[in-house]
Amino acid sequence: MSKPIDAVLVGAGQRGRDAIGIYAQREPGELRFVAVAEPDEDRRKLFAKQHGIPPEMQFRTWEEVMERPQLAPLLFNLTQDRMHRESAVAALEKGYHLFLEKPMAHTPEGCLEIAAAARAHRRMVQICHPLRYTPFYRRVKELISTGKIGRLLSISMYENVGYWHFAHSYVRGNWRRMDESGPVILTKCCHDMDIATWMADDHVREVSSFGRLAHFREENAPEGAPPRCTDGCPVEETCPYYAPAFYLGPGVGWPTSAVSVHHGLEERRRALETGPYGRCVYRSDNDAVDHQVLNAEFEKGTTFNFAVRAHSADCYRTIRAIGEHGEIDGHFEKREVKLTRFGQGYSDKATRELFKTEVWDGGHGGGDTGVVRNFLRAIQEEDYEGLEHSLDLAVEGHLLSFAAEQARVKREVVQMEEFRSAISSAAAG
């Protein structure tokens, strides 16, 4: 790029500061932030200092940004989930090309409204689905698209969240309550739904799902456990979720950095004594399910099954793609993709290849870097068609999440044609 593209950041929290902001600091010739909106004064001032943003370009809310003439070509929207629809549509109407944090909206109607606004105002929208832009998933996609396993018949994916990660984000954290953010199959697993629709490059025909909150409930609390870990817990020596043991250690990176913008030991201790991250995981106000399974079929006949689990020691994703002439097995965290092509006779005649994929700088296996880079590339090349198709697939992945949650709650098989028709009518009316 001959010169950096100017941008506005809305939401200078963990994601905005430590993923998107770091990209601009690392690649100053590509991206430059000229304004920031953030309600938390400490976070706002920190981001402004890091990026040299003057006081007159610092705002508390996204609404204040929209009151001004357009400040830059791009707007990075990293607000909380339930702010996405209104703020995204306003930004598109204002003329911004939009980078939008996932999930794109907390309702299916909101997703359709954002996509419609992008088309109406001919603006480009990049949903922050970083997994698509990792070397790992791009290798899997390449093997499928080039016919290495023949016609795609089925996809199986598993997301093991990790007991500590789930406790941090979905029991104590911002995504613990469905009425404040959304269901786990959306807030966490829209990444995975996006990968499935991207791999299949198709629309979903029908979906079923089961799951529940089984463990992080008050009836499972150890005897005598107080509302907060800092109130003197009788099992503090053995409980894997004891907050001080997790957040008061020497490390101050994520997820510890989410506890307080100030990383000193005493500041973190006070945050545990007063904030959500010090709560007993069995006595929080959470209702996010801690395990769920999904089955779906795409229009062209590809089947898809998926499971998300809180209770795993490690955080990792796996994928398996079955074709008419072979299979692909991948482990995201190990960066391994195995391709097997069937041979004559028994399995010992099959041909096998192992690919070790690289990792770029940035989180999500390099996806945080890749997704921003793709957005900037699309802007430079005016690739409206490419980002429009990308957005259509992202919307389909979101609809799959919403339909799966409806199937789980109502214990039914959701017919996607009827589901789309209903939400399209609601979005239009």
Protein backbone atom coordinates (compact mmCIF):
# COMPACT_ATOMS: atom_id res chain seq x y z
CA MET A 1 0.00 0.00 0.00
CA SER A 2 1.26 3.48 -0.86
CA LYS A 3 -0.12 5.00 2.32
CA PRO A 4 -2.12 3.75 5.31
CA ILE A 5 -5.91 3.73 5.24
CA ASP A 6 -7.48 5.89 7.95
CA ALA A 7 -10.00 4.27 10.27
CA VAL A 8 -12.19 4.82 13.32
CA LEU A 9 -12.24 2.33 16.17
CA VAL A 10 -15.48 1.92 18.11
CA GLY A 11 -14.88 -0.22 21.19
CA ALA A 12 -11.37 -0.10 22.66
CA GLY A 13 -11.70 -3.14 24.87
CA GLN A 14 -9.69 -6.33 24.77
CA ARG A 15 -10.38 -7.14 21.12
CA GLY A 16 -10.13 -3.61 19.78
CA ARG A 17 -6.94 -2.77 21.63
CA ASP A 18 -5.05 -6.06 21.66
CA ALA A 19 -5.98 -7.48 18.25
CA ILE A 20 -7.04 -4.74 15.85
CA GLY A 21 -5.02 -1.96 17.48
CA ILE A 22 -1.87 -4.05 17.55
CA TYR A 23 -2.19 -4.70 13.82
CA ALA A 24 -2.11 -0.94 13.16
CA GLN A 25 0.93 -0.55 15.42
CA ARG A 26 2.72 -3.41 13.72
CA GLU A 27 1.76 -2.32 10.18
CA PRO A 28 1.69 1.52 10.29
CA GLY A 29 2.01 1.69 6.53
CA GLU A 30 -1.31 -0.17 6.08
CA LEU A 31 -3.71 1.05 8.76
CA ARG A 32 -3.94 4.21 10.88
CA PHE A 33 -6.55 4.98 13.52
CA VAL A 34 -7.58 8.63 13.55
CA ALA A 35 -10.49 8.44 16.04
CA VAL A 36 -11.68 6.22 18.89
CA ALA A 37 -14.99 5.79 20.73
CA GLU A 38 -15.02 3.96 24.06
CA PRO A 39 -17.20 4.60 27.15
CA ASP A 40 -14.48 3.51 29.61
CA GLU A 41 -12.22 6.52 30.07
CA ASP A 42 -9.09 4.53 30.94
CA ARG A 43 -9.42 2.32 27.87
CA ARG A 44 -10.21 5.27 25.63
CA LYS A 45 -7.20 7.28 26.79
CA LEU A 46 -4.89 4.28 26.56
CA PHE A 47 -5.87 3.55 22.95
CA ALA A 48 -5.63 7.24 22.04
CA LYS A 49 -2.14 7.43 23.52
CA GLN A 50 -1.01 4.29 21.70
CA HIS A 51 -2.21 5.63 18.34
CA GLY A 52 -1.60 9.37 18.71
CA ILE A 53 -5.28 10.32 18.55
CA PRO A 54 -5.95 13.95 19.63
CA PRO A 55 -8.62 14.79 22.27
CA GLU A 56 -11.06 16.18 19.70
CA MET A 57 -11.15 12.77 17.99
CA GLN A 58 -11.90 10.83 21.17
CA PHE A 59 -15.55 9.95 21.83
CA ARG A 60 -17.50 8.12 24.51
CA THR A 61 -20.06 6.39 22.30
CA TRP A 62 -20.63 5.30 18.73
CA GLU A 63 -23.57 7.71 18.60
CA GLU A 64 -21.16 10.64 19.09
CA VAL A 65 -19.13 9.42 16.12
CA MET A 66 -22.25 9.28 13.96
CA GLU A 67 -23.09 12.90 14.86
CA ARG A 68 -19.91 14.03 13.11
CA PRO A 69 -19.21 14.10 9.36
CA GLN A 70 -17.56 10.89 8.16
CA LEU A 71 -14.13 10.79 9.81
CA ALA A 72 -12.40 8.11 7.72
CA PRO A 73 -13.14 5.53 5.00
CA LEU A 74 -13.26 2.61 7.47
CA LEU A 75 -14.92 1.93 10.80
CA PHE A 76 -13.97 -0.99 13.04
CA ASN A 77 -16.98 -1.88 15.18
CA LEU A 78 -15.90 -3.78 18.30
CA THR A 79 -18.91 -2.91 20.48
CA GLN A 80 -20.79 -5.40 22.65
CA ASP A 81 -23.00 -7.88 20.83
CA ARG A 82 -26.33 -6.16 21.41
CA MET A 83 -25.04 -2.86 20.03
CA HIS A 84 -24.00 -4.34 16.69
CA ARG A 85 -27.16 -4.00 14.62
CA GLU A 86 -27.94 -0.36 15.35
CA SER A 87 -24.35 0.84 15.27
CA ALA A 88 -23.48 -1.16 12.14
CA VAL A 89 -26.47 0.08 10.13
CA ALA A 90 -25.75 3.67 11.22
CA ALA A 91 -22.11 3.36 10.12
CA LEU A 92 -23.09 1.96 6.71
CA GLU A 93 -25.64 4.73 6.21
CA LYS A 94 -22.95 7.26 7.11
CA GLY A 95 -20.73 5.91 4.35
CA TYR A 96 -18.19 3.80 6.23
CA HIS A 97 -16.86 0.49 5.00
CA LEU A 98 -17.36 -1.72 8.03
CA PHE A 99 -15.30 -4.26 9.94
CA LEU A 100 -17.74 -5.86 12.39
CA GLU A 101 -16.98 -8.07 15.36
CA LYS A 102 -18.79 -11.39 15.54
CA PRO A 103 -21.57 -12.18 16.08
CA MET A 104 -22.77 -9.65 13.56
CA ALA A 105 -26.03 -9.20 15.49
CA HIS A 106 -27.84 -10.80 18.43
CA THR A 107 -30.95 -11.57 16.34
CA PRO A 108 -31.30 -13.17 12.90
CA GLU A 109 -33.33 -10.17 11.74
CA GLY A 110 -30.43 -7.92 12.71
CA CYS A 111 -28.05 -9.93 10.52
CA LEU A 112 -30.34 -9.51 7.53
CA GLU A 113 -30.73 -5.78 8.18
CA ILE A 114 -26.96 -5.25 8.24
CA ALA A 115 -26.51 -7.19 5.00
CA ALA A 116 -29.34 -5.23 3.38
CA ALA A 117 -27.81 -1.92 4.48
CA ALA A 118 -24.45 -2.94 2.99
CA ARG A 119 -26.10 -3.66 -0.36
CA ALA A 120 -28.27 -0.53 -0.31
CA HIS A 121 -25.33 1.79 0.37
CA ARG A 122 -22.76 -0.25 -1.59
CA ARG A 123 -20.44 -0.53 1.37
CA MET A 124 -18.07 -3.41 2.07
CA VAL A 125 -18.53 -5.41 5.29
CA GLN A 126 -15.96 -7.76 6.77
CA ILE A 127 -17.26 -9.89 9.62
CA CYS A 128 -14.53 -10.72 12.12
CA HIS A 129 -14.38 -14.46 11.44
CA PRO A 130 -10.61 -14.90 11.75
CA LEU A 131 -10.57 -18.69 11.39
CA ARG A 132 -11.30 -18.41 7.67
CA TYR A 133 -8.04 -16.52 7.26
CA THR A 134 -5.68 -18.90 9.06
CA PRO A 135 -3.22 -21.01 7.08
CA PHE A 136 -4.80 -24.10 8.70
CA TYR A 137 -8.40 -23.66 7.54
CA ARG A 138 -7.32 -22.24 4.21
CA ARG A 139 -5.37 -25.44 3.54
CA VAL A 140 -8.45 -27.55 4.39
CA LYS A 141 -10.58 -25.36 2.11
CA GLU A 142 -8.03 -25.64 -0.71
CA LEU A 143 -7.99 -29.44 -0.51
CA ILE A 144 -11.78 -29.57 -0.68
CA SER A 145 -12.13 -26.95 -3.43
CA THR A 146 -9.53 -28.57 -5.67
CA GLY A 147 -11.30 -31.93 -5.49
CA LYS A 148 -8.63 -33.84 -3.60
CA ILE A 149 -11.32 -35.94 -1.85
CA GLY A 150 -13.95 -35.74 -4.57
CA ARG A 151 -17.44 -34.42 -3.89
CA LEU A 152 -17.84 -33.31 -0.29
CA LEU A 153 -20.23 -35.61 1.59
CA SER A 154 -19.90 -34.67 5.25
CA ILE A 155 -18.15 -32.35 7.69
CA SER A 156 -17.56 -33.06 11.38
CA MET A 157 -16.24 -30.39 13.73
CA TYR A 158 -15.58 -30.23 17.46
CA GLU A 159 -14.82 -27.26 19.65
CA ASN A 160 -13.36 -28.00 23.05
CA VAL A 161 -13.56 -24.67 24.86
CA GLY A 162 -11.48 -25.56 27.92
CA TYR A 163 -12.91 -25.55 31.44
CA TRP A 164 -10.96 -22.43 32.44
CA HIS A 165 -11.80 -20.50 29.26
CA PHE A 166 -15.47 -21.34 29.58
CA ALA A 167 -15.51 -20.27 33.24
CA HIS A 168 -13.81 -16.99 32.35
CA SER A 169 -15.99 -16.01 29.38
CA TYR A 170 -19.29 -17.87 29.73
CA VAL A 171 -19.77 -18.22 33.49
CA ARG A 172 -18.16 -15.02 34.83
CA GLY A 173 -17.62 -12.97 31.69
CA ASN A 174 -19.54 -10.88 29.19
CA TRP A 175 -21.17 -13.87 27.46
CA ARG A 176 -22.51 -15.64 30.56
CA ARG A 177 -26.15 -14.59 30.06
CA MET A 178 -28.12 -15.22 26.90
CA ASP A 179 -30.38 -12.21 27.47
CA GLU A 180 -27.33 -9.91 27.60
CA SER A 181 -25.35 -11.36 24.69
CA GLY A 182 -26.74 -14.50 23.07
CA PRO A 183 -26.57 -18.31 23.15
CA VAL A 184 -23.17 -20.04 23.11
CA ILE A 185 -23.89 -21.59 19.71
CA LEU A 186 -23.88 -17.98 18.45
CA THR A 187 -21.47 -16.05 20.66
CA LYS A 188 -18.76 -18.74 20.67
CA CYS A 189 -19.59 -21.09 17.84
CA CYS A 190 -20.53 -18.68 15.05
CA HIS A 191 -16.83 -19.09 14.17
CA ASP A 192 -17.46 -22.79 13.59
CA MET A 193 -20.79 -22.30 11.82
CA ASP A 194 -19.01 -19.87 9.51
CA ILE A 195 -16.29 -22.40 8.74
CA ALA A 196 -18.91 -25.06 7.95
CA THR A 197 -20.87 -22.87 5.52
CA TRP A 198 -17.62 -21.62 3.96
CA MET A 199 -16.34 -25.17 3.44
CA ALA A 200 -19.67 -26.36 2.00
CA ASP A 201 -20.22 -23.08 0.10
CA ASP A 202 -23.91 -23.78 0.36
CA HIS A 203 -27.15 -22.99 2.18
CA VAL A 204 -28.49 -25.16 4.99
CA ARG A 205 -31.67 -27.20 4.44
CA GLU A 206 -32.49 -28.32 8.02
CA VAL A 207 -30.96 -28.48 11.49
CA SER A 208 -31.48 -30.12 14.89
CA SER A 209 -29.65 -29.54 18.17
CA PHE A 210 -29.50 -30.61 21.82
CA GLY A 211 -27.68 -29.19 24.82
CA ARG A 212 -28.02 -27.69 28.28
CA LEU A 213 -26.29 -26.05 31.24
CA ALA A 214 -25.37 -29.05 33.35
CA HIS A 215 -22.46 -28.20 35.63
CA PHE A 216 -22.12 -24.51 36.47
CA ARG A 217 -25.24 -24.45 38.62
CA GLU A 218 -25.85 -23.57 42.26
CA GLU A 219 -26.80 -27.13 43.25
CA ASN A 220 -23.28 -28.21 42.27
CA ALA A 221 -21.52 -25.69 44.53
CA PRO A 222 -19.19 -27.20 47.17
CA GLU A 223 -20.66 -27.11 50.66
CA GLY A 224 -19.99 -23.76 52.30
CA ALA A 225 -18.80 -22.04 49.09
CA PRO A 226 -19.45 -18.27 49.38
CA PRO A 227 -20.73 -16.05 46.55
CA ARG A 228 -17.16 -14.87 45.87
CA CYS A 229 -13.90 -16.75 45.87
CA THR A 230 -12.34 -13.87 47.82
CA ASP A 231 -14.81 -14.31 50.71
CA GLY A 232 -12.95 -17.32 52.10
CA CYS A 233 -13.82 -20.53 50.27
CA PRO A 234 -13.40 -23.89 52.07
CA VAL A 235 -12.17 -25.57 48.84
CA GLU A 236 -9.82 -22.85 47.63
CA GLU A 237 -6.88 -25.25 47.68
CA THR A 238 -8.52 -27.72 45.29
CA CYS A 239 -11.20 -25.95 43.23
CA PRO A 240 -10.03 -25.58 39.60
CA TYR A 241 -12.08 -22.40 39.30
CA TYR A 242 -10.68 -20.55 42.34
CA ALA A 243 -10.36 -17.01 40.96
CA PRO A 244 -7.29 -15.71 42.88
CA ALA A 245 -5.24 -18.70 41.73
CA PHE A 246 -6.17 -17.90 38.16
CA TYR A 247 -6.07 -14.10 38.00
CA LEU A 248 -3.50 -13.09 40.62
CA GLY A 249 -0.48 -14.86 39.20
CA PRO A 250 2.54 -13.23 37.54
CA GLY A 251 1.08 -13.26 34.03
CA VAL A 252 -1.03 -10.27 32.96
CA GLY A 253 -1.96 -11.25 29.40
CA TRP A 254 -5.37 -12.53 28.34
CA PRO A 255 -7.57 -13.58 30.09
CA THR A 256 -6.11 -11.89 33.20
CA SER A 257 -5.99 -8.58 31.34
CA ALA A 258 -9.79 -8.63 31.08
CA VAL A 259 -10.18 -8.35 34.86
CA SER A 260 -8.86 -4.79 35.06
CA VAL A 261 -7.35 -2.28 32.66
CA HIS A 262 -4.75 -1.74 35.41
CA HIS A 263 -2.61 -4.85 35.75
CA GLY A 264 -1.10 -4.29 39.18
CA LEU A 265 -1.67 -7.04 41.74
CA GLU A 266 -3.74 -4.88 44.10
CA GLU A 267 -5.88 -3.52 41.27
CA ARG A 268 -6.62 -7.05 40.11
CA ARG A 269 -7.37 -8.16 43.67
CA ARG A 270 -9.87 -5.32 44.14
CA ALA A 271 -11.47 -6.20 40.81
CA LEU A 272 -12.03 -9.77 42.03
CA GLU A 273 -13.57 -8.47 45.24
CA THR A 274 -16.08 -6.29 43.40
CA GLY A 275 -16.38 -7.42 39.78
CA PRO A 276 -17.76 -10.47 37.97
CA TYR A 277 -14.47 -12.37 37.68
CA GLY A 278 -14.31 -13.01 41.42
CA ARG A 279 -17.65 -14.80 41.55
CA CYS A 280 -17.99 -18.46 42.46
CA VAL A 281 -18.70 -20.25 39.21
CA TYR A 282 -21.55 -22.10 40.90
CA ARG A 283 -23.18 -18.95 42.25
CA SER A 284 -23.07 -16.64 39.25
CA ASP A 285 -26.08 -15.44 37.25
CA ASN A 286 -25.06 -17.42 34.14
CA ASP A 287 -27.36 -19.44 31.91
CA ALA A 288 -25.10 -20.20 28.90
CA VAL A 289 -25.18 -23.91 28.07
CA ASP A 290 -21.96 -25.81 28.78
CA HIS A 291 -22.37 -28.48 26.11
CA GLN A 292 -24.31 -28.71 22.84
CA VAL A 293 -24.48 -30.84 19.70
CA LEU A 294 -25.82 -29.99 16.26
CA ASN A 295 -26.74 -31.89 13.12
CA ALA A 296 -27.49 -30.21 9.80
CA GLU A 297 -27.85 -30.93 6.11
CA PHE A 298 -26.94 -28.53 3.31
CA GLU A 299 -28.97 -28.06 0.13
CA LYS A 300 -26.53 -30.05 -2.02
CA GLY A 301 -26.64 -32.97 0.43
CA THR A 302 -23.51 -32.42 2.51
CA THR A 303 -24.17 -33.31 6.14
CA PHE A 304 -22.64 -31.47 9.09
CA ASN A 305 -22.30 -32.45 12.72
CA PHE A 306 -20.76 -30.33 15.47
CA ALA A 307 -20.22 -30.42 19.22
CA VAL A 308 -19.09 -27.72 21.65
CA ARG A 309 -17.91 -28.71 25.13
CA ALA A 310 -16.90 -26.66 28.14
CA HIS A 311 -15.30 -29.54 29.98
CA SER A 312 -11.98 -30.17 28.32
CA ALA A 313 -8.52 -29.62 29.72
CA ASP A 314 -7.23 -27.93 26.58
CA CYS A 315 -8.78 -25.50 24.10
CA TYR A 316 -8.75 -26.99 20.63
CA ARG A 317 -10.74 -27.46 17.44
CA THR A 318 -10.79 -30.40 15.07
CA ILE A 319 -12.32 -30.88 11.64
CA ARG A 320 -12.99 -33.92 9.49
CA ALA A 321 -14.18 -33.72 5.88
CA ILE A 322 -15.35 -36.86 4.09
CA GLY A 323 -15.50 -37.01 0.31
CA GLU A 324 -16.31 -39.65 -2.27
CA HIS A 325 -12.63 -40.44 -2.85
CA GLY A 326 -10.88 -39.52 0.38
CA GLU A 327 -10.91 -37.78 3.74
CA ILE A 328 -9.28 -34.86 5.52
CA ASP A 329 -8.49 -34.75 9.25
CA GLY A 330 -7.28 -31.58 10.90
CA HIS A 331 -6.25 -30.41 14.37
CA PHE A 332 -6.19 -26.63 14.52
CA GLU A 333 -3.91 -26.16 17.53
CA LYS A 334 -1.42 -28.76 16.29
CA ARG A 335 -1.53 -27.06 12.85
CA GLU A 336 -1.79 -30.49 11.24
CA VAL A 337 -3.90 -31.41 8.20
CA LYS A 338 -3.92 -35.04 7.05
CA LEU A 339 -5.13 -35.94 3.56
CA THR A 340 -6.01 -39.55 2.75
CA ARG A 341 -7.00 -40.63 -0.75
CA PHE A 342 -8.52 -44.06 -1.23
CA GLY A 343 -6.61 -46.70 -3.14
CA GLN A 344 -7.53 -50.06 -4.61
CA GLY A 345 -8.41 -52.76 -2.13
CA TYR A 346 -7.76 -52.32 1.58
CA SER A 347 -6.74 -49.19 3.45
CA ASP A 348 -3.03 -49.97 3.24
CA LYS A 349 -3.30 -48.96 -0.42
CA ALA A 350 -4.53 -45.48 0.45
CA THR A 351 -2.19 -42.56 -0.16
CA ARG A 352 -1.59 -40.25 2.78
CA GLU A 353 -0.10 -36.78 3.10
CA LEU A 354 0.55 -34.68 6.20
CA PHE A 355 0.65 -30.90 5.95
CA LYS A 356 2.08 -28.77 8.76
CA THR A 357 0.60 -25.31 8.41
CA GLU A 358 2.34 -22.12 9.41
CA VAL A 359 1.18 -19.63 12.05
CA TRP A 360 1.14 -15.90 11.40
CA ASP A 361 1.51 -13.19 14.01
CA GLY A 362 -1.65 -12.43 15.98
CA GLY A 363 -4.28 -14.47 17.80
CA HIS A 364 -6.51 -17.24 16.48
CA GLY A 365 -3.57 -18.96 14.79
CA GLY A 366 -2.82 -15.86 12.75
CA GLY A 367 -6.45 -15.29 11.82
CA ASP A 368 -6.59 -11.94 13.62
CA THR A 369 -3.89 -10.74 11.24
CA GLY A 370 -5.41 -12.45 8.21
CA VAL A 371 -8.93 -11.08 8.60
CA VAL A 372 -7.74 -7.46 8.92
CA ARG A 373 -5.33 -7.94 6.01
CA ASN A 374 -8.15 -9.32 3.85
CA PHE A 375 -10.38 -6.34 4.66
CA LEU A 376 -7.67 -3.85 3.77
CA ARG A 377 -6.89 -5.77 0.56
CA ALA A 378 -10.56 -5.71 -0.44
CA ILE A 379 -10.73 -1.96 0.16
CA GLN A 380 -7.59 -1.34 -1.90
CA GLU A 381 -8.80 -3.54 -4.76
CA GLU A 382 -12.44 -2.42 -4.48
CA ASP A 383 -13.40 -6.08 -4.26
CA TYR A 384 -17.12 -5.55 -3.66
CA GLU A 385 -18.09 -8.88 -5.21
CA GLY A 386 -15.67 -10.90 -3.10
CA LEU A 387 -16.73 -9.32 0.18
CA GLU A 388 -20.41 -9.55 -0.75
CA HIS A 389 -20.10 -13.32 -1.24
CA SER A 390 -18.10 -13.55 1.98
CA LEU A 391 -20.85 -11.64 3.81
CA ASP A 392 -23.57 -13.89 2.36
CA LEU A 393 -21.79 -16.96 3.75
CA ALA A 394 -21.29 -15.21 7.09
CA VAL A 395 -25.01 -14.46 7.28
CA GLU A 396 -25.80 -18.11 6.49
CA GLY A 397 -23.49 -19.26 9.28
CA HIS A 398 -25.23 -16.91 11.71
CA LEU A 399 -28.65 -18.17 10.63
CA LEU A 400 -27.44 -21.71 11.25
CA SER A 401 -26.54 -20.70 14.82
CA PHE A 402 -29.93 -19.10 15.43
CA ALA A 403 -31.79 -22.04 13.92
CA ALA A 404 -29.78 -24.49 16.04
CA GLU A 405 -30.74 -22.59 19.18
CA GLN A 406 -34.40 -22.65 18.17
CA ALA A 407 -34.10 -26.39 17.55
CA ARG A 408 -32.47 -26.89 20.97
CA VAL A 409 -35.04 -24.85 22.88
CA LYS A 410 -38.12 -26.17 21.07
CA ARG A 411 -36.71 -29.66 20.55
CA GLU A 412 -37.59 -29.65 16.87
CA VAL A 413 -36.00 -30.01 13.46
CA VAL A 414 -35.88 -26.54 11.92
CA GLN A 415 -36.63 -26.28 8.22
CA MET A 416 -34.38 -23.48 7.03
CA GLU A 417 -36.56 -22.33 4.12
CA GLU A 418 -39.40 -21.64 6.56
CA PHE A 419 -36.97 -20.12 9.08
CA ARG A 420 -35.50 -17.72 6.52
CA SER A 421 -38.94 -16.74 5.27
CA ALA A 422 -40.13 -15.91 8.79
CA ILE A 423 -37.14 -13.77 9.70
CA SER A 424 -37.09 -12.05 6.31
CA SER A 425 -40.70 -10.99 6.89
CA ALA A 426 -39.85 -9.80 10.41
CA ALA A 427 -36.81 -7.85 9.18
CA ALA A 428 -38.83 -6.21 6.40
CA GLY A 429 -41.81 -5.36 8.57
